[in-house]
PDB file of N, CA and C in Angstrom:
ATOM      1  N   UNK A   1     -43.086 -85.450  96.998  1.00  0.00           N
ATOM      2  CA  UNK A   1     -43.403 -85.914  95.637  1.00  0.00           C
ATOM      3  C   UNK A   1     -42.517 -85.950  94.750  1.00  0.00           C
ATOM      4  N   UNK A   2     -42.522 -86.853  93.725  1.00  0.00           N
ATOM      5  CA  UNK A   2     -41.457 -87.114  92.838  1.00  0.00           C
ATOM      6  C   UNK A   2     -41.848 -86.254  91.538  1.00  0.00           C
ATOM      7  N   UNK A   3     -40.828 -85.765  91.079  1.00  0.00           N
ATOM      8  CA  UNK A   3     -41.089 -85.107  89.802  1.00  0.00           C
ATOM      9  C   UNK A   3     -41.687 -86.101  88.628  1.00  0.00           C
ATOM     10  N   UNK A   4     -42.605 -85.611  87.735  1.00  0.00           N
ATOM     11  CA  UNK A   4     -43.098 -86.377  86.777  1.00  0.00           C
ATOM     12  C   UNK A   4     -42.299 -86.295  85.545  1.00  0.00           C
ATOM     13  N   UNK A   5     -42.396 -87.411  84.576  1.00  0.00           N
ATOM     14  CA  UNK A   5     -41.612 -87.439  83.397  1.00  0.00           C
ATOM     15  C   UNK A   5     -42.376 -86.520  82.548  1.00  0.00           C
ATOM     16  N   UNK A   6     -41.543 -85.668  81.879  1.00  0.00           N
ATOM     17  CA  UNK A   6     -42.029 -84.922  80.749  1.00  0.00           C
ATOM     18  C   UNK A   6     -42.325 -85.770  79.467  1.00  0.00           C
ATOM     19  N   UNK A   7     -43.409 -85.299  78.823  1.00  0.00           N
ATOM     20  CA  UNK A   7     -44.062 -85.938  77.435  1.00  0.00           C
ATOM     21  C   UNK A   7     -42.883 -85.557  76.474  1.00  0.00           C
ATOM     22  N   UNK A   8     -42.399 -86.713  75.540  1.00  0.00           N
ATOM     23  CA  UNK A   8     -41.286 -86.335  74.689  1.00  0.00           C
ATOM     24  C   UNK A   8     -41.986 -85.633  73.377  1.00  0.00           C
ATOM     25  N   UNK A   9     -41.411 -84.782  72.690  1.00  0.00           N
ATOM     26  CA  UNK A   9     -41.871 -84.258  71.703  1.00  0.00           C
ATOM     27  C   UNK A   9     -41.233 -84.850  70.308  1.00  0.00           C
ATOM     28  N   UNK A  10     -41.862 -84.766  69.323  1.00  0.00           N
ATOM     29  CA  UNK A  10     -41.551 -85.434  68.178  1.00  0.00           C
ATOM     30  C   UNK A  10     -40.159 -84.684  67.675  1.00  0.00           C
ATOM     31  N   UNK A  11     -39.353 -85.510  67.023  1.00  0.00           N
ATOM     32  CA  UNK A  11     -37.914 -84.976  66.659  1.00  0.00           C
ATOM     33  C   UNK A  11     -38.327 -84.301  65.244  1.00  0.00           C
ATOM     34  N   UNK A  12     -39.291 -84.568  64.710  1.00  0.00           N
ATOM     35  CA  UNK A  12     -39.723 -83.815  63.395  1.00  0.00           C
ATOM     36  C   UNK A  12     -41.185 -83.296  63.484  1.00  0.00           C
ATOM     37  N   UNK A  13     -41.238 -82.116  63.939  1.00  0.00           N
ATOM     38  CA  UNK A  13     -42.473 -81.524  64.171  1.00  0.00           C
ATOM     39  C   UNK A  13     -43.112 -81.218  62.956  1.00  0.00           C
ATOM     40  N   UNK A  14     -44.565 -81.508  62.724  1.00  0.00           N
ATOM     41  CA  UNK A  14     -45.109 -81.202  61.323  1.00  0.00           C
ATOM     42  C   UNK A  14     -45.131 -79.826  61.108  1.00  0.00           C
ATOM     43  N   UNK A  15     -44.766 -79.286  59.894  1.00  0.00           N
ATOM     44  CA  UNK A  15     -45.003 -77.922  59.738  1.00  0.00           C
ATOM     45  C   UNK A  15     -46.127 -77.648  58.841  1.00  0.00           C
ATOM     46  N   UNK A  16     -46.939 -76.765  59.169  1.00  0.00           N
ATOM     47  CA  UNK A  16     -48.159 -76.375  58.340  1.00  0.00           C
ATOM     48  C   UNK A  16     -47.795 -76.151  56.982  1.00  0.00           C
ATOM     49  N   UNK A  17     -48.753 -76.580  56.140  1.00  0.00           N
ATOM     50  CA  UNK A  17     -48.729 -76.363  54.608  1.00  0.00           C
ATOM     51  C   UNK A  17     -48.924 -74.964  54.287  1.00  0.00           C
ATOM     52  N   UNK A  18     -49.663 -74.159  55.350  1.00  0.00           N
ATOM     53  CA  UNK A  18     -50.123 -72.743  55.242  1.00  0.00           C
ATOM     54  C   UNK A  18     -48.899 -71.902  55.511  1.00  0.00           C
ATOM     55  N   UNK A  19     -48.533 -70.904  54.635  1.00  0.00           N
ATOM     56  CA  UNK A  19     -47.332 -70.101  54.988  1.00  0.00           C
ATOM     57  C   UNK A  19     -47.863 -69.038  55.880  1.00  0.00           C
ATOM     58  N   UNK A  20     -46.966 -68.407  56.446  1.00  0.00           N
ATOM     59  CA  UNK A  20     -47.511 -67.306  57.469  1.00  0.00           C
ATOM     60  C   UNK A  20     -48.175 -66.153  56.641  1.00  0.00           C
ATOM     61  N   UNK A  21     -48.044 -65.901  55.452  1.00  0.00           N
ATOM     62  CA  UNK A  21     -48.738 -64.959  54.563  1.00  0.00           C
ATOM     63  C   UNK A  21     -50.327 -65.369  54.367  1.00  0.00           C
ATOM     64  N   UNK A  22     -50.482 -66.680  54.673  1.00  0.00           N
ATOM     65  CA  UNK A  22     -52.118 -67.181  54.618  1.00  0.00           C
ATOM     66  C   UNK A  22     -52.386 -67.457  53.106  1.00  0.00           C
ATOM     67  N   UNK A  23     -51.393 -67.458  52.309  1.00  0.00           N
ATOM     68  CA  UNK A  23     -51.676 -67.771  50.728  1.00  0.00           C
ATOM     69  C   UNK A  23     -51.286 -69.192  50.395  1.00  0.00           C
ATOM     70  N   UNK A  24     -51.944 -69.956  49.993  1.00  0.00           N
ATOM     71  CA  UNK A  24     -51.691 -71.450  49.524  1.00  0.00           C
ATOM     72  C   UNK A  24     -51.899 -71.429  47.951  1.00  0.00           C
ATOM     73  N   UNK A  25     -50.701 -71.806  47.344  1.00  0.00           N
ATOM     74  CA  UNK A  25     -50.738 -72.054  45.936  1.00  0.00           C
ATOM     75  C   UNK A  25     -50.693 -73.379  45.560  1.00  0.00           C
ATOM     76  N   UNK A  26     -51.794 -73.543  44.716  1.00  0.00           N
ATOM     77  CA  UNK A  26     -51.663 -75.226  44.313  1.00  0.00           C
ATOM     78  C   UNK A  26     -51.252 -75.259  42.940  1.00  0.00           C
ATOM     79  N   UNK A  27     -50.497 -76.152  42.556  1.00  0.00           N
ATOM     80  CA  UNK A  27     -50.304 -76.290  41.033  1.00  0.00           C
ATOM     81  C   UNK A  27     -50.063 -77.730  40.741  1.00  0.00           C
ATOM     82  N   UNK A  28     -49.939 -78.147  39.231  1.00  0.00           N
ATOM     83  CA  UNK A  28     -49.882 -79.460  38.683  1.00  0.00           C
ATOM     84  C   UNK A  28     -51.041 -79.877  38.101  1.00  0.00           C
ATOM     85  N   UNK A  29     -51.061 -81.120  37.938  1.00  0.00           N
ATOM     86  CA  UNK A  29     -52.187 -81.712  37.143  1.00  0.00           C
ATOM     87  C   UNK A  29     -53.148 -82.521  38.199  1.00  0.00           C
ATOM     88  N   UNK A  30     -54.559 -82.785  37.658  1.00  0.00           N
ATOM     89  CA  UNK A  30     -55.283 -83.552  38.493  1.00  0.00           C
ATOM     90  C   UNK A  30     -55.405 -82.917  39.966  1.00  0.00           C
ATOM     91  N   UNK A  31     -55.589 -81.619  40.023  1.00  0.00           N
ATOM     92  CA  UNK A  31     -55.812 -80.997  41.349  1.00  0.00           C
ATOM     93  C   UNK A  31     -57.299 -81.200  41.877  1.00  0.00           C
ATOM     94  N   UNK A  32     -57.307 -81.842  43.151  1.00  0.00           N
ATOM     95  CA  UNK A  32     -58.533 -82.330  43.666  1.00  0.00           C
ATOM     96  C   UNK A  32     -58.775 -81.231  44.934  1.00  0.00           C
ATOM     97  N   UNK A  33     -60.101 -80.691  45.112  1.00  0.00           N
ATOM     98  CA  UNK A  33     -60.407 -80.130  46.233  1.00  0.00           C
ATOM     99  C   UNK A  33     -61.812 -80.626  46.615  1.00  0.00           C
ATOM    100  N   UNK A  34     -61.880 -81.091  47.777  1.00  0.00           N
ATOM    101  CA  UNK A  34     -63.320 -81.606  48.070  1.00  0.00           C
ATOM    102  C   UNK A  34     -63.397 -81.689  49.641  1.00  0.00           C
ATOM    103  N   UNK A  35     -64.461 -82.148  50.121  1.00  0.00           N
ATOM    104  CA  UNK A  35     -64.889 -82.029  51.438  1.00  0.00           C
ATOM    105  C   UNK A  35     -65.005 -83.318  51.889  1.00  0.00           C
ATOM    106  N   UNK A  36     -64.334 -83.643  53.161  1.00  0.00           N
ATOM    107  CA  UNK A  36     -64.331 -85.227  53.738  1.00  0.00           C
ATOM    108  C   UNK A  36     -64.553 -85.004  55.285  1.00  0.00           C
ATOM    109  N   UNK A  37     -65.601 -85.487  55.790  1.00  0.00           N
ATOM    110  CA  UNK A  37     -65.960 -85.362  57.407  1.00  0.00           C
ATOM    111  C   UNK A  37     -65.589 -83.865  57.802  1.00  0.00           C
ATOM    112  N   UNK A  38     -66.045 -82.994  57.041  1.00  0.00           N
ATOM    113  CA  UNK A  38     -66.065 -81.545  57.487  1.00  0.00           C
ATOM    114  C   UNK A  38     -64.584 -80.792  57.328  1.00  0.00           C
ATOM    115  N   UNK A  39     -63.991 -81.480  56.687  1.00  0.00           N
ATOM    116  CA  UNK A  39     -62.532 -81.140  56.492  1.00  0.00           C
ATOM    117  C   UNK A  39     -62.306 -80.736  55.033  1.00  0.00           C
ATOM    118  N   UNK A  40     -61.439 -79.671  54.677  1.00  0.00           N
ATOM    119  CA  UNK A  40     -61.368 -79.425  53.355  1.00  0.00           C
ATOM    120  C   UNK A  40     -60.085 -80.398  52.746  1.00  0.00           C
ATOM    121  N   UNK A  41     -60.072 -81.198  51.999  1.00  0.00           N
ATOM    122  CA  UNK A  41     -59.054 -81.955  51.416  1.00  0.00           C
ATOM    123  C   UNK A  41     -58.544 -81.550  50.068  1.00  0.00           C
ATOM    124  N   UNK A  42     -57.287 -81.306  49.984  1.00  0.00           N
ATOM    125  CA  UNK A  42     -56.913 -80.692  48.872  1.00  0.00           C
ATOM    126  C   UNK A  42     -55.519 -81.609  48.272  1.00  0.00           C
ATOM    127  N   UNK A  43     -55.561 -81.842  46.973  1.00  0.00           N
ATOM    128  CA  UNK A  43     -54.290 -82.714  46.568  1.00  0.00           C
ATOM    129  C   UNK A  43     -53.946 -82.168  45.330  1.00  0.00           C
ATOM    130  N   UNK A  44     -52.518 -81.677  45.068  1.00  0.00           N
ATOM    131  CA  UNK A  44     -51.921 -81.193  44.058  1.00  0.00           C
ATOM    132  C   UNK A  44     -50.438 -81.957  43.688  1.00  0.00           C
ATOM    133  N   UNK A  45     -50.013 -81.441  42.617  1.00  0.00           N
ATOM    134  CA  UNK A  45     -48.765 -81.736  42.317  1.00  0.00           C
ATOM    135  C   UNK A  45     -48.712 -82.540  41.034  1.00  0.00           C
ATOM    136  N   UNK A  46     -47.311 -83.038  40.835  1.00  0.00           N
ATOM    137  CA  UNK A  46     -47.251 -83.485  39.415  1.00  0.00           C
ATOM    138  C   UNK A  46     -46.450 -85.010  39.561  1.00  0.00           C
ATOM    139  N   UNK A  47     -47.167 -86.064  38.888  1.00  0.00           N
ATOM    140  CA  UNK A  47     -46.641 -87.394  39.036  1.00  0.00           C
ATOM    141  C   UNK A  47     -46.534 -88.035  40.528  1.00  0.00           C
ATOM    142  N   UNK A  48     -45.313 -88.545  40.729  1.00  0.00           N
ATOM    143  CA  UNK A  48     -45.283 -89.086  42.217  1.00  0.00           C
ATOM    144  C   UNK A  48     -45.109 -87.933  43.153  1.00  0.00           C
ATOM    145  N   UNK A  49     -44.705 -86.791  42.699  1.00  0.00           N
ATOM    146  CA  UNK A  49     -44.555 -85.656  43.551  1.00  0.00           C
ATOM    147  C   UNK A  49     -45.763 -85.007  43.907  1.00  0.00           C
ATOM    148  N   UNK A  50     -46.664 -85.715  44.830  1.00  0.00           N
ATOM    149  CA  UNK A  50     -48.045 -85.178  44.937  1.00  0.00           C
ATOM    150  C   UNK A  50     -48.099 -84.775  46.474  1.00  0.00           C
ATOM    151  N   UNK A  51     -48.687 -83.796  46.749  1.00  0.00           N
ATOM    152  CA  UNK A  51     -48.978 -83.254  48.111  1.00  0.00           C
ATOM    153  C   UNK A  51     -50.363 -83.485  48.608  1.00  0.00           C
ATOM    154  N   UNK A  52     -50.751 -83.824  49.623  1.00  0.00           N
ATOM    155  CA  UNK A  52     -52.034 -84.010  50.543  1.00  0.00           C
ATOM    156  C   UNK A  52     -52.241 -82.845  51.621  1.00  0.00           C
ATOM    157  N   UNK A  53     -53.252 -82.236  51.473  1.00  0.00           N
ATOM    158  CA  UNK A  53     -53.510 -81.267  52.634  1.00  0.00           C
ATOM    159  C   UNK A  53     -54.711 -81.505  53.241  1.00  0.00           C
ATOM    160  N   UNK A  54     -55.014 -81.448  54.524  1.00  0.00           N
ATOM    161  CA  UNK A  54     -56.490 -81.680  55.337  1.00  0.00           C
ATOM    162  C   UNK A  54     -56.544 -80.434  56.194  1.00  0.00           C
ATOM    163  N   UNK A  55     -57.547 -79.553  55.886  1.00  0.00           N
ATOM    164  CA  UNK A  55     -57.870 -78.421  56.636  1.00  0.00           C
ATOM    165  C   UNK A  55     -59.176 -78.614  57.381  1.00  0.00           C
ATOM    166  N   UNK A  56     -59.037 -78.158  58.871  1.00  0.00           N
ATOM    167  CA  UNK A  56     -60.195 -78.190  59.687  1.00  0.00           C
ATOM    168  C   UNK A  56     -60.691 -76.758  59.496  1.00  0.00           C
ATOM    169  N   UNK A  57     -61.820 -76.493  60.039  1.00  0.00           N
ATOM    170  CA  UNK A  57     -62.678 -75.086  59.807  1.00  0.00           C
ATOM    171  C   UNK A  57     -62.094 -73.947  60.464  1.00  0.00           C
ATOM    172  N   UNK A  58     -61.185 -74.433  61.768  1.00  0.00           N
ATOM    173  CA  UNK A  58     -60.831 -73.719  62.636  1.00  0.00           C
ATOM    174  C   UNK A  58     -59.265 -73.799  62.776  1.00  0.00           C
ATOM    175  N   UNK A  59     -58.563 -72.586  62.991  1.00  0.00           N
ATOM    176  CA  UNK A  59     -57.060 -72.821  62.994  1.00  0.00           C
ATOM    177  C   UNK A  59     -56.248 -73.029  61.802  1.00  0.00           C
ATOM    178  N   UNK A  60     -56.725 -72.863  60.479  1.00  0.00           N
ATOM    179  CA  UNK A  60     -55.986 -73.198  59.407  1.00  0.00           C
ATOM    180  C   UNK A  60     -55.138 -72.089  58.946  1.00  0.00           C
ATOM    181  N   UNK A  61     -55.362 -70.966  59.253  1.00  0.00           N
ATOM    182  CA  UNK A  61     -54.525 -69.611  58.910  1.00  0.00           C
ATOM    183  C   UNK A  61     -54.799 -69.370  57.492  1.00  0.00           C
ATOM    184  N   UNK A  62     -55.613 -70.084  56.657  1.00  0.00           N
ATOM    185  CA  UNK A  62     -55.580 -69.738  55.109  1.00  0.00           C
ATOM    186  C   UNK A  62     -56.535 -68.525  55.004  1.00  0.00           C
ATOM    187  N   UNK A  63     -55.855 -67.698  54.362  1.00  0.00           N
ATOM    188  CA  UNK A  63     -56.574 -66.438  53.864  1.00  0.00           C
ATOM    189  C   UNK A  63     -57.060 -66.463  52.130  1.00  0.00           C
ATOM    190  N   UNK A  64     -56.064 -67.001  51.276  1.00  0.00           N
ATOM    191  CA  UNK A  64     -56.205 -66.854  49.912  1.00  0.00           C
ATOM    192  C   UNK A  64     -55.897 -68.273  49.296  1.00  0.00           C
ATOM    193  N   UNK A  65     -56.490 -68.844  48.578  1.00  0.00           N
ATOM    194  CA  UNK A  65     -56.081 -70.180  47.841  1.00  0.00           C
ATOM    195  C   UNK A  65     -55.966 -69.858  46.276  1.00  0.00           C
ATOM    196  N   UNK A  66     -54.938 -69.901  45.773  1.00  0.00           N
ATOM    197  CA  UNK A  66     -54.460 -69.632  44.371  1.00  0.00           C
ATOM    198  C   UNK A  66     -54.126 -71.055  43.729  1.00  0.00           C
ATOM    199  N   UNK A  67     -54.989 -71.168  42.666  1.00  0.00           N
ATOM    200  CA  UNK A  67     -54.707 -72.543  41.810  1.00  0.00           C
ATOM    201  C   UNK A  67     -54.222 -72.089  40.402  1.00  0.00           C
ATOM    202  N   UNK A  68     -53.185 -72.755  40.248  1.00  0.00           N
ATOM    203  CA  UNK A  68     -52.483 -72.401  38.919  1.00  0.00           C
ATOM    204  C   UNK A  68     -52.602 -73.574  38.278  1.00  0.00           C
ATOM    205  N   UNK A  69     -53.530 -73.840  37.569  1.00  0.00           N
ATOM    206  CA  UNK A  69     -53.794 -75.108  36.927  1.00  0.00           C
ATOM    207  C   UNK A  69     -55.215 -74.983  35.980  1.00  0.00           C
ATOM    208  N   UNK A  70     -55.300 -75.628  35.008  1.00  0.00           N
ATOM    209  CA  UNK A  70     -56.645 -75.797  34.366  1.00  0.00           C
ATOM    210  C   UNK A  70     -57.024 -77.274  34.355  1.00  0.00           C
ATOM    211  N   UNK A  71     -56.500 -78.191  35.178  1.00  0.00           N
ATOM    212  CA  UNK A  71     -56.857 -79.652  35.102  1.00  0.00           C
ATOM    213  C   UNK A  71     -57.127 -79.963  36.718  1.00  0.00           C
ATOM    214  N   UNK A  72     -58.259 -80.550  36.933  1.00  0.00           N
ATOM    215  CA  UNK A  72     -58.528 -81.155  37.982  1.00  0.00           C
ATOM    216  C   UNK A  72     -60.234 -80.703  38.426  1.00  0.00           C
ATOM    217  N   UNK A  73     -60.444 -80.923  39.603  1.00  0.00           N
ATOM    218  CA  UNK A  73     -61.889 -80.645  40.150  1.00  0.00           C
ATOM    219  C   UNK A  73     -61.931 -79.974  41.560  1.00  0.00           C
ATOM    220  N   UNK A  74     -62.939 -79.276  41.745  1.00  0.00           N
ATOM    221  CA  UNK A  74     -63.447 -78.961  43.013  1.00  0.00           C
ATOM    222  C   UNK A  74     -64.996 -79.069  43.148  1.00  0.00           C
ATOM    223  N   UNK A  75     -65.292 -79.531  44.251  1.00  0.00           N
ATOM    224  CA  UNK A  75     -66.794 -79.634  44.598  1.00  0.00           C
ATOM    225  C   UNK A  75     -67.294 -78.399  45.040  1.00  0.00           C
ATOM    226  N   UNK A  76     -68.672 -78.333  44.983  1.00  0.00           N
ATOM    227  CA  UNK A  76     -69.556 -77.276  45.285  1.00  0.00           C
ATOM    228  C   UNK A  76     -69.366 -77.114  46.724  1.00  0.00           C
ATOM    229  N   UNK A  77     -69.383 -78.106  47.610  1.00  0.00           N
ATOM    230  CA  UNK A  77     -69.227 -78.121  49.027  1.00  0.00           C
ATOM    231  C   UNK A  77     -67.969 -77.438  49.565  1.00  0.00           C
ATOM    232  N   UNK A  78     -66.751 -77.642  48.597  1.00  0.00           N
ATOM    233  CA  UNK A  78     -65.623 -77.167  48.934  1.00  0.00           C
ATOM    234  C   UNK A  78     -65.420 -75.561  48.713  1.00  0.00           C
ATOM    235  N   UNK A  79     -66.249 -75.260  47.684  1.00  0.00           N
ATOM    236  CA  UNK A  79     -66.240 -73.856  47.443  1.00  0.00           C
ATOM    237  C   UNK A  79     -67.031 -73.132  48.572  1.00  0.00           C
ATOM    238  N   UNK A  80     -68.102 -73.667  48.896  1.00  0.00           N
ATOM    239  CA  UNK A  80     -68.936 -73.274  49.956  1.00  0.00           C
ATOM    240  C   UNK A  80     -68.095 -73.260  51.294  1.00  0.00           C
ATOM    241  N   UNK A  81     -67.285 -74.121  51.518  1.00  0.00           N
ATOM    242  CA  UNK A  81     -66.553 -74.101  52.880  1.00  0.00           C
ATOM    243  C   UNK A  81     -65.408 -73.044  52.904  1.00  0.00           C
ATOM    244  N   UNK A  82     -64.791 -72.699  51.667  1.00  0.00           N
ATOM    245  CA  UNK A  82     -64.055 -71.411  51.491  1.00  0.00           C
ATOM    246  C   UNK A  82     -64.773 -70.163  51.776  1.00  0.00           C
ATOM    247  N   UNK A  83     -65.922 -70.077  51.131  1.00  0.00           N
ATOM    248  CA  UNK A  83     -66.709 -68.884  51.327  1.00  0.00           C
ATOM    249  C   UNK A  83     -67.000 -68.673  52.978  1.00  0.00           C
ATOM    250  N   UNK A  84     -67.565 -69.776  53.452  1.00  0.00           N
ATOM    251  CA  UNK A  84     -68.016 -69.757  54.776  1.00  0.00           C
ATOM    252  C   UNK A  84     -66.882 -69.485  56.003  1.00  0.00           C
ATOM    253  N   UNK A  85     -65.630 -69.712  55.638  1.00  0.00           N
ATOM    254  CA  UNK A  85     -64.590 -69.316  56.445  1.00  0.00           C
ATOM    255  C   UNK A  85     -63.820 -68.059  55.931  1.00  0.00           C
ATOM    256  N   UNK A  86     -64.259 -67.474  54.819  1.00  0.00           N
ATOM    257  CA  UNK A  86     -63.677 -66.276  54.435  1.00  0.00           C
ATOM    258  C   UNK A  86     -62.476 -66.461  53.798  1.00  0.00           C
ATOM    259  N   UNK A  87     -62.128 -67.364  53.064  1.00  0.00           N
ATOM    260  CA  UNK A  87     -60.959 -67.597  52.003  1.00  0.00           C
ATOM    261  C   UNK A  87     -61.213 -67.143  50.768  1.00  0.00           C
ATOM    262  N   UNK A  88     -60.618 -66.434  50.065  1.00  0.00           N
ATOM    263  CA  UNK A  88     -60.734 -66.004  48.836  1.00  0.00           C
ATOM    264  C   UNK A  88     -60.270 -67.239  47.737  1.00  0.00           C
ATOM    265  N   UNK A  89     -60.736 -67.485  46.666  1.00  0.00           N
ATOM    266  CA  UNK A  89     -60.306 -68.415  45.811  1.00  0.00           C
ATOM    267  C   UNK A  89     -59.910 -67.883  44.374  1.00  0.00           C
ATOM    268  N   UNK A  90     -58.778 -67.969  43.883  1.00  0.00           N
ATOM    269  CA  UNK A  90     -58.386 -67.308  42.484  1.00  0.00           C
ATOM    270  C   UNK A  90     -57.777 -68.587  41.480  1.00  0.00           C
ATOM    271  N   UNK A  91     -58.274 -68.642  40.533  1.00  0.00           N
ATOM    272  CA  UNK A  91     -57.724 -69.713  39.385  1.00  0.00           C
ATOM    273  C   UNK A  91     -57.140 -68.987  38.437  1.00  0.00           C
ATOM    274  N   UNK A  92     -55.720 -69.315  38.121  1.00  0.00           N
ATOM    275  CA  UNK A  92     -55.011 -68.803  37.053  1.00  0.00           C
ATOM    276  C   UNK A  92     -54.397 -69.805  36.117  1.00  0.00           C
ATOM    277  N   UNK A  93     -54.316 -69.443  34.763  1.00  0.00           N
ATOM    278  CA  UNK A  93     -53.700 -70.422  33.785  1.00  0.00           C
ATOM    279  C   UNK A  93     -52.273 -70.453  34.051  1.00  0.00           C
ATOM    280  N   UNK A  94     -51.813 -71.286  33.118  1.00  0.00           N
ATOM    281  CA  UNK A  94     -50.106 -71.256  33.326  1.00  0.00           C
ATOM    282  C   UNK A  94     -49.468 -69.989  33.124  1.00  0.00           C
ATOM    283  N   UNK A  95     -50.032 -69.237  32.261  1.00  0.00           N
ATOM    284  CA  UNK A  95     -49.557 -67.788  31.919  1.00  0.00           C
ATOM    285  C   UNK A  95     -49.776 -66.831  33.040  1.00  0.00           C
ATOM    286  N   UNK A  96     -50.571 -67.095  33.865  1.00  0.00           N
ATOM    287  CA  UNK A  96     -50.829 -65.887  35.186  1.00  0.00           C
ATOM    288  C   UNK A  96     -52.127 -65.259  34.893  1.00  0.00           C
ATOM    289  N   UNK A  97     -52.706 -65.684  33.735  1.00  0.00           N
ATOM    290  CA  UNK A  97     -53.993 -64.989  33.435  1.00  0.00           C
ATOM    291  C   UNK A  97     -55.162 -65.441  34.347  1.00  0.00           C
ATOM    292  N   UNK A  98     -55.811 -64.606  34.959  1.00  0.00           N
ATOM    293  CA  UNK A  98     -56.906 -64.940  35.825  1.00  0.00           C
ATOM    294  C   UNK A  98     -58.271 -65.586  35.298  1.00  0.00           C
ATOM    295  N   UNK A  99     -58.557 -66.838  35.508  1.00  0.00           N
ATOM    296  CA  UNK A  99     -59.647 -67.485  35.089  1.00  0.00           C
ATOM    297  C   UNK A  99     -60.901 -67.278  35.733  1.00  0.00           C
ATOM    298  N   UNK A 100     -60.853 -67.567  37.128  1.00  0.00           N
ATOM    299  CA  UNK A 100     -61.955 -67.440  38.050  1.00  0.00           C
ATOM    300  C   UNK A 100     -61.469 -66.751  39.266  1.00  0.00           C
ATOM    301  N   UNK A 101     -62.471 -65.982  39.915  1.00  0.00           N
ATOM    302  CA  UNK A 101     -62.246 -65.225  41.096  1.00  0.00           C
ATOM    303  C   UNK A 101     -63.373 -65.176  41.831  1.00  0.00           C
ATOM    304  N   UNK A 102     -63.433 -65.608  43.046  1.00  0.00           N
ATOM    305  CA  UNK A 102     -64.511 -65.780  44.020  1.00  0.00           C
ATOM    306  C   UNK A 102     -64.025 -64.893  45.394  1.00  0.00           C
ATOM    307  N   UNK A 103     -64.579 -64.077  45.948  1.00  0.00           N
ATOM    308  CA  UNK A 103     -64.562 -63.458  47.069  1.00  0.00           C
ATOM    309  C   UNK A 103     -65.480 -63.459  48.059  1.00  0.00           C
TER     310      UNK A 103
END
């Protein structure tokens, strides 16, 4: 039996946006957090330097979501998703003062 060809791996593997600590910090203007097809979709950043993140209900490693902004929106279904999977949400103003906190 001949040897099979190995499947090639990507030269640039995608790095998870969630750090090892499990804390994701959102910042910038016009932050968006909503549900799309059962996934949590997050958009943050400033101007052309925007970041889009899409998280499934399992395997996301997210423990806490910290939002350092007062501009943008989130949907109730996105907040429900965070509560259902056990992720805490904290909203800070630009000076670091807590605005909202949900556990």
